[in-house]
Amino acid sequence: MASSAVSQRFRAVVCRYCSKPIRVPASVTRRESEFQGITESTSTRHQLISRVFHVRCRCCERESVYSINQIVDFPHPVTCPESDHKAATL
């Protein structure tokens, strides 16, 4: 049997504090695709879609505001080391 290659790519932003990728929630991904679809047309509706969102980094536990333009594809998920996570919670 041949196994099919599973795509390990995911949409994320780079954390402003620790530079680790933060996975973008599905609601933000839908908003991004809707925004890109509307801006390609000549509609003025794109002004009503929020282009910013906030998300918390799971590694450093800090939260920040990001723009839809900052979302990029990452090749594979990155796990944060336990020592970094424990130090952030102290």
C-alpha atoms as a PDB file:
ATOM      1  CA  MET A   1       0.000   0.000   0.000  1.00  0.00           C
ATOM      2  CA  ALA A   2       1.194   3.450  -0.829  1.00  0.00           C
ATOM      3  CA  SER A   3       0.646   6.147   1.730  1.00  0.00           C
ATOM      4  CA  SER A   4      -0.252   9.595   0.538  1.00  0.00           C
ATOM      5  CA  ALA A   5       1.847  12.505   1.698  1.00  0.00           C
ATOM      6  CA  VAL A   6       0.063  14.505   4.354  1.00  0.00           C
ATOM      7  CA  SER A   7       0.511  18.242   4.118  1.00  0.00           C
ATOM      8  CA  GLN A   8       2.098  19.608   7.280  1.00  0.00           C
ATOM      9  CA  ARG A   9       1.716  23.246   6.248  1.00  0.00           C
ATOM     10  CA  PHE A  10      -0.263  25.586   8.418  1.00  0.00           C
ATOM     11  CA  ARG A  11      -1.164  29.279   8.483  1.00  0.00           C
ATOM     12  CA  ALA A  12       0.491  31.263  11.255  1.00  0.00           C
ATOM     13  CA  VAL A  13       1.992  34.564  12.343  1.00  0.00           C
ATOM     14  CA  VAL A  14       5.402  35.037  13.940  1.00  0.00           C
ATOM     15  CA  CYS A  15       5.280  35.906  17.641  1.00  0.00           C
ATOM     16  CA  ARG A  16       6.571  39.423  18.296  1.00  0.00           C
ATOM     17  CA  TYR A  17       8.261  38.307  21.512  1.00  0.00           C
ATOM     18  CA  CYS A  18       9.752  34.838  20.999  1.00  0.00           C
ATOM     19  CA  SER A  19       9.645  34.549  17.155  1.00  0.00           C
ATOM     20  CA  LYS A  20       7.837  31.188  17.233  1.00  0.00           C
ATOM     21  CA  PRO A  21       4.957  30.608  14.810  1.00  0.00           C
ATOM     22  CA  ILE A  22       1.465  31.014  16.250  1.00  0.00           C
ATOM     23  CA  ARG A  23      -1.262  29.044  14.517  1.00  0.00           C
ATOM     24  CA  VAL A  24      -4.026  31.297  13.224  1.00  0.00           C
ATOM     25  CA  PRO A  25      -7.586  30.347  14.276  1.00  0.00           C
ATOM     26  CA  ALA A  26     -10.033  29.171  11.601  1.00  0.00           C
ATOM     27  CA  SER A  27     -12.188  32.278  12.013  1.00  0.00           C
ATOM     28  CA  VAL A  28      -9.212  34.486  11.112  1.00  0.00           C
ATOM     29  CA  THR A  29      -8.347  32.265   8.150  1.00  0.00           C
ATOM     30  CA  ARG A  30     -11.925  32.625   6.857  1.00  0.00           C
ATOM     31  CA  ARG A  31     -11.720  36.397   7.330  1.00  0.00           C
ATOM     32  CA  GLU A  32      -8.405  36.462   5.446  1.00  0.00           C
ATOM     33  CA  SER A  33      -9.786  34.524   2.474  1.00  0.00           C
ATOM     34  CA  GLU A  34     -12.923  36.679   2.437  1.00  0.00           C
ATOM     35  CA  PHE A  35     -10.810  39.833   2.542  1.00  0.00           C
ATOM     36  CA  GLN A  36      -8.584  38.643  -0.324  1.00  0.00           C
ATOM     37  CA  GLY A  37     -11.620  37.712  -2.412  1.00  0.00           C
ATOM     38  CA  ILE A  38     -13.259  41.085  -1.882  1.00  0.00           C
ATOM     39  CA  THR A  39     -10.155  43.198  -2.475  1.00  0.00           C
ATOM     40  CA  GLU A  40      -9.624  41.491  -5.816  1.00  0.00           C
ATOM     41  CA  SER A  41     -13.023  42.779  -6.900  1.00  0.00           C
ATOM     42  CA  THR A  42     -13.882  46.460  -7.051  1.00  0.00           C
ATOM     43  CA  SER A  43     -16.267  46.288  -4.094  1.00  0.00           C
ATOM     44  CA  THR A  44     -16.150  48.847  -1.308  1.00  0.00           C
ATOM     45  CA  ARG A  45     -17.270  46.175   1.201  1.00  0.00           C
ATOM     46  CA  HIS A  46     -13.619  45.326   1.998  1.00  0.00           C
ATOM     47  CA  GLN A  47     -13.463  48.409   4.210  1.00  0.00           C
ATOM     48  CA  LEU A  48     -15.913  46.781   6.642  1.00  0.00           C
ATOM     49  CA  ILE A  49     -13.800  43.680   7.300  1.00  0.00           C
ATOM     50  CA  SER A  50     -11.425  43.945  10.233  1.00  0.00           C
ATOM     51  CA  ARG A  51      -7.845  43.399   9.114  1.00  0.00           C
ATOM     52  CA  VAL A  52      -6.397  42.944  12.602  1.00  0.00           C
ATOM     53  CA  PHE A  53      -6.769  40.239  15.227  1.00  0.00           C
ATOM     54  CA  HIS A  54      -5.178  39.324  18.522  1.00  0.00           C
ATOM     55  CA  VAL A  55      -3.753  35.940  19.388  1.00  0.00           C
ATOM     56  CA  ARG A  56      -1.786  34.490  22.296  1.00  0.00           C
ATOM     57  CA  CYS A  57       1.483  32.628  21.814  1.00  0.00           C
ATOM     58  CA  ARG A  58       1.461  29.175  23.404  1.00  0.00           C
ATOM     59  CA  CYS A  59       5.220  29.258  24.009  1.00  0.00           C
ATOM     60  CA  CYS A  60       5.732  32.569  25.780  1.00  0.00           C
ATOM     61  CA  GLU A  61       2.077  33.107  26.822  1.00  0.00           C
ATOM     62  CA  ARG A  62       2.089  36.711  25.556  1.00  0.00           C
ATOM     63  CA  GLU A  63      -0.677  38.227  23.471  1.00  0.00           C
ATOM     64  CA  SER A  64      -0.390  40.797  20.721  1.00  0.00           C
ATOM     65  CA  VAL A  65      -2.278  42.331  17.811  1.00  0.00           C
ATOM     66  CA  TYR A  66      -1.433  41.138  14.301  1.00  0.00           C
ATOM     67  CA  SER A  67      -2.547  42.101  10.810  1.00  0.00           C
ATOM     68  CA  ILE A  68      -4.018  39.769   8.201  1.00  0.00           C
ATOM     69  CA  ASN A  69      -1.048  40.751   6.001  1.00  0.00           C
ATOM     70  CA  GLN A  70       1.324  39.098   8.508  1.00  0.00           C
ATOM     71  CA  ILE A  71      -0.135  35.600   8.046  1.00  0.00           C
ATOM     72  CA  VAL A  72       2.266  33.235   6.278  1.00  0.00           C
ATOM     73  CA  ASP A  73       2.531  29.498   5.527  1.00  0.00           C
ATOM     74  CA  PHE A  74       4.821  27.451   7.754  1.00  0.00           C
ATOM     75  CA  PRO A  75       6.111  24.072   6.587  1.00  0.00           C
ATOM     76  CA  HIS A  76       5.517  22.128   9.814  1.00  0.00           C
ATOM     77  CA  PRO A  77       4.239  22.692  13.355  1.00  0.00           C
ATOM     78  CA  VAL A  78       6.777  23.919  15.901  1.00  0.00           C
ATOM     79  CA  THR A  79       6.548  22.737  19.466  1.00  0.00           C
ATOM     80  CA  CYS A  80       7.863  24.923  22.221  1.00  0.00           C
ATOM     81  CA  PRO A  81      10.299  23.386  24.701  1.00  0.00           C
ATOM     82  CA  GLU A  82       8.896  22.545  28.138  1.00  0.00           C
ATOM     83  CA  SER A  83      11.544  24.682  29.851  1.00  0.00           C
ATOM     84  CA  ASP A  84      10.376  27.803  27.980  1.00  0.00           C
ATOM     85  CA  HIS A  85       6.737  27.070  28.844  1.00  0.00           C
ATOM     86  CA  LYS A  86       7.486  26.497  32.535  1.00  0.00           C
ATOM     87  CA  ALA A  87       9.610  29.657  32.760  1.00  0.00           C
ATOM     88  CA  ALA A  88       6.831  31.700  31.204  1.00  0.00           C
ATOM     89  CA  THR A  89       4.262  30.483  33.742  1.00  0.00           C
ATOM     90  CA  LEU A  90       6.382  31.331  36.782  1.00  0.00           C
END
